[in-house]
């Protein structure tokens, strides 16, 4: 999420303007977007005022309801040809209790969404997700340390150098239960329902 310690100020400003822009382009009231996304109207009002700090889960719900990607909302989505993103412009959307972080490096636009993330988790840190839309899958590669990956109650352990593919349309979590730093990259692919059934 845009958890405490994430790039909250710059992300809040981007969310405020871009969410309002996408909502108005689609002629959606706050009530209608609230209904579609399953996010309270009060939260939407706070986001559009720039005073909210929504979780990654809420950003995912809003993006899905608007037919866009989280990368669109935080402005690291691809544009035609090549869109270069400077290091200083890559947002931190989660910070762990012990200094870990998750950065959304880049992503595609629109409902067929692909995102590239880089995670650093310190010992004892856990990130939990309620699950993504049906058909979503994630690719993992562990660079350093040990990743504990749990999807829908099935637990797997990935050591440095290992990779994995997981369907993450069920509740899942990533955890570092070891005593050393964990570094991994993750690609999220969330395809529109028609395409994900092919």
Protein backbone atom coordinates (compact mmCIF):
# COMPACT_ATOMS: atom_id res chain seq x y z
CA UNK A 1 0.00 0.00 0.00
CA UNK A 2 0.91 3.55 0.22
CA UNK A 3 1.71 2.49 3.77
CA UNK A 4 3.17 4.78 6.44
CA UNK A 5 6.63 5.75 5.31
CA UNK A 6 5.90 5.27 1.62
CA UNK A 7 6.26 8.27 -0.71
CA UNK A 8 2.99 9.45 0.78
CA UNK A 9 2.99 13.15 -0.07
CA UNK A 10 3.85 12.86 -3.75
CA UNK A 11 1.65 9.77 -4.18
CA UNK A 12 -1.33 11.48 -2.49
CA UNK A 13 -1.05 14.46 -4.83
CA UNK A 14 -0.86 12.20 -7.90
CA UNK A 15 -3.79 10.12 -6.68
CA UNK A 16 -5.94 13.16 -6.03
CA UNK A 17 -5.59 14.60 -9.52
CA UNK A 18 -5.45 11.39 -11.53
CA UNK A 19 -8.33 9.61 -9.79
CA UNK A 20 -10.56 12.63 -10.28
CA UNK A 21 -9.43 12.88 -13.92
CA UNK A 22 -10.22 9.22 -14.71
CA UNK A 23 -13.51 9.33 -12.82
CA UNK A 24 -14.68 12.45 -14.68
CA UNK A 25 -13.54 11.09 -18.06
CA UNK A 26 -15.81 8.11 -17.45
CA UNK A 27 -18.61 10.35 -16.09
CA UNK A 28 -18.76 8.44 -12.81
CA UNK A 29 -20.13 9.95 -9.63
CA UNK A 30 -18.37 9.28 -6.34
CA UNK A 31 -21.33 7.09 -5.38
CA UNK A 32 -21.05 4.99 -8.55
CA UNK A 33 -17.27 4.55 -8.27
CA UNK A 34 -17.73 3.63 -4.60
CA UNK A 35 -20.26 0.95 -5.58
CA UNK A 36 -18.14 -0.44 -8.44
CA UNK A 37 -14.89 -0.54 -6.48
CA UNK A 38 -16.26 -1.57 -3.09
CA UNK A 39 -14.49 1.41 -1.51
CA UNK A 40 -16.35 3.80 0.78
CA UNK A 41 -17.41 7.18 -0.60
CA UNK A 42 -15.69 8.81 2.37
CA UNK A 43 -12.37 7.22 1.36
CA UNK A 44 -12.84 8.42 -2.23
CA UNK A 45 -13.51 11.96 -1.05
CA UNK A 46 -10.35 11.89 1.10
CA UNK A 47 -8.27 10.52 -1.80
CA UNK A 48 -9.52 13.22 -4.18
CA UNK A 49 -8.74 15.87 -1.55
CA UNK A 50 -5.18 14.50 -1.33
CA UNK A 51 -5.52 13.71 2.37
CA UNK A 52 -5.83 9.91 2.26
CA UNK A 53 -3.15 7.24 2.34
CA UNK A 54 -4.89 4.26 0.67
CA UNK A 55 -3.53 0.72 0.75
CA UNK A 56 -2.28 -1.15 -2.31
CA UNK A 57 -5.48 -3.21 -2.07
CA UNK A 58 -7.64 -0.08 -2.38
CA UNK A 59 -5.56 1.18 -5.32
CA UNK A 60 -6.08 -2.19 -7.03
CA UNK A 61 -9.85 -2.01 -6.48
CA UNK A 62 -10.05 1.53 -7.87
CA UNK A 63 -7.91 0.68 -10.89
CA UNK A 64 -10.04 -2.38 -11.67
CA UNK A 65 -13.27 -0.38 -11.35
CA UNK A 66 -11.94 2.29 -13.72
CA UNK A 67 -10.45 -0.19 -16.22
CA UNK A 68 -6.94 1.17 -15.71
CA UNK A 69 -3.81 0.01 -13.89
CA UNK A 70 -2.23 1.06 -10.60
CA UNK A 71 0.69 2.25 -12.73
CA UNK A 72 -1.70 4.65 -14.48
CA UNK A 73 -2.78 6.08 -11.14
CA UNK A 74 0.74 6.66 -9.81
CA UNK A 75 2.04 7.72 -13.24
CA UNK A 76 4.63 5.02 -13.99
CA UNK A 77 2.61 3.49 -16.83
CA UNK A 78 4.02 3.03 -20.30
CA UNK A 79 3.25 5.51 -23.03
CA UNK A 80 3.57 4.88 -26.80
CA UNK A 81 7.01 3.63 -27.87
CA UNK A 82 9.27 4.01 -24.81
CA UNK A 83 8.47 5.74 -21.54
CA UNK A 84 11.58 6.23 -19.41
CA UNK A 85 11.13 6.52 -15.67
CA UNK A 86 13.86 8.17 -13.64
CA UNK A 87 14.88 6.52 -10.38
CA UNK A 88 13.61 9.51 -8.41
CA UNK A 89 10.16 9.08 -9.98
CA UNK A 90 9.72 5.42 -8.98
CA UNK A 91 7.27 5.36 -6.06
CA UNK A 92 7.61 3.34 -2.87
CA UNK A 93 4.08 2.00 -2.25
CA UNK A 94 4.82 -0.04 0.86
CA UNK A 95 7.25 0.18 3.76
CA UNK A 96 7.66 -2.61 6.24
CA UNK A 97 7.93 -2.20 9.98
CA UNK A 98 11.69 -2.87 9.89
CA UNK A 99 12.66 -0.81 6.81
CA UNK A 100 11.61 -3.04 3.92
CA UNK A 101 10.02 -1.52 0.83
CA UNK A 102 8.06 -2.28 -2.33
CA UNK A 103 8.60 -0.11 -5.39
CA UNK A 104 6.38 -0.13 -8.47
CA UNK A 105 9.13 0.15 -11.10
CA UNK A 106 6.90 0.32 -14.17
CA UNK A 107 3.62 -0.86 -15.57
CA UNK A 108 1.39 -0.91 -18.59
CA UNK A 109 -1.77 1.15 -19.07
CA UNK A 110 -5.33 -0.03 -19.23
CA UNK A 111 -7.32 -3.01 -18.08
CA UNK A 112 -4.79 -5.56 -19.42
CA UNK A 113 -2.25 -4.62 -16.81
CA UNK A 114 1.33 -5.78 -16.29
CA UNK A 115 3.43 -4.36 -13.47
CA UNK A 116 7.07 -4.78 -12.46
CA UNK A 117 7.86 -4.52 -8.74
CA UNK A 118 11.03 -4.71 -6.64
CA UNK A 119 10.61 -5.84 -3.05
CA UNK A 120 13.02 -5.64 -0.15
CA UNK A 121 11.87 -7.30 3.06
CA UNK A 122 13.76 -7.31 6.31
CA UNK A 123 13.58 -10.28 8.72
CA UNK A 124 10.10 -10.68 10.19
CA UNK A 125 8.28 -8.53 7.65
CA UNK A 126 5.05 -9.70 6.00
CA UNK A 127 2.84 -8.23 3.28
CA UNK A 128 -0.72 -9.57 3.02
CA UNK A 129 -3.11 -9.17 0.08
CA UNK A 130 -6.82 -10.09 -0.02
CA UNK A 131 -6.34 -11.30 -3.62
CA UNK A 132 -6.61 -9.74 -7.07
CA UNK A 133 -9.29 -10.07 -9.78
CA UNK A 134 -9.89 -13.52 -11.23
CA UNK A 135 -7.12 -14.74 -13.52
CA UNK A 136 -4.36 -12.55 -12.05
CA UNK A 137 -0.96 -14.20 -11.80
CA UNK A 138 2.43 -13.12 -10.51
CA UNK A 139 5.97 -14.08 -11.49
CA UNK A 140 8.67 -14.07 -8.82
CA UNK A 141 12.46 -14.21 -8.86
CA UNK A 142 14.40 -14.20 -5.60
CA UNK A 143 17.74 -12.40 -5.80
CA UNK A 144 18.77 -12.70 -2.16
CA UNK A 145 17.40 -14.38 0.95
CA UNK A 146 14.34 -16.61 1.29
CA UNK A 147 10.77 -15.75 0.28
CA UNK A 148 7.87 -17.45 1.99
CA UNK A 149 4.95 -17.32 -0.44
CA UNK A 150 1.48 -18.38 0.67
CA UNK A 151 -1.42 -18.40 -1.81
CA UNK A 152 -4.86 -19.63 -0.79
CA UNK A 153 -3.36 -21.51 2.14
CA UNK A 154 -0.64 -23.27 0.08
CA UNK A 155 2.80 -22.37 1.41
CA UNK A 156 5.99 -22.40 -0.71
CA UNK A 157 9.56 -21.38 0.08
CA UNK A 158 11.77 -19.79 -2.57
CA UNK A 159 15.52 -19.52 -2.00
CA UNK A 160 17.94 -17.20 -3.80
CA UNK A 161 18.03 -17.95 -7.52
CA UNK A 162 14.60 -19.61 -7.58
CA UNK A 163 11.58 -18.38 -9.54
CA UNK A 164 7.86 -19.09 -9.33
CA UNK A 165 4.54 -18.45 -11.03
CA UNK A 166 1.46 -18.09 -8.81
CA UNK A 167 -2.23 -17.43 -9.37
CA UNK A 168 -2.90 -14.57 -6.95
CA UNK A 169 -6.64 -14.15 -7.31
CA UNK A 170 -6.89 -15.70 -3.83
CA UNK A 171 -5.70 -14.25 -0.50
CA UNK A 172 -1.91 -14.40 -0.34
CA UNK A 173 1.11 -13.11 1.49
CA UNK A 174 4.84 -12.64 1.07
CA UNK A 175 7.03 -12.99 4.14
CA UNK A 176 10.65 -12.99 5.21
CA UNK A 177 10.87 -15.46 8.08
CA UNK A 178 14.66 -15.79 7.81
CA UNK A 179 17.36 -13.78 9.57
CA UNK A 180 18.71 -12.08 6.43
CA UNK A 181 17.43 -9.45 4.01
CA UNK A 182 15.15 -10.66 1.21
CA UNK A 183 15.26 -9.12 -2.28
CA UNK A 184 12.92 -10.21 -5.05
CA UNK A 185 11.38 -8.94 -8.23
CA UNK A 186 7.76 -9.56 -9.06
CA UNK A 187 5.70 -9.13 -12.21
CA UNK A 188 1.93 -8.90 -11.86
CA UNK A 189 -0.26 -9.73 -14.87
CA UNK A 190 -3.92 -8.86 -14.52
CA UNK A 191 -5.76 -9.56 -17.76
CA UNK A 192 -9.32 -8.59 -18.59
CA UNK A 193 -11.76 -11.49 -18.02
CA UNK A 194 -12.18 -12.38 -21.70
CA UNK A 195 -8.46 -12.62 -22.25
CA UNK A 196 -7.65 -14.47 -19.03
CA UNK A 197 -10.07 -17.25 -20.04
CA UNK A 198 -8.20 -17.96 -23.29
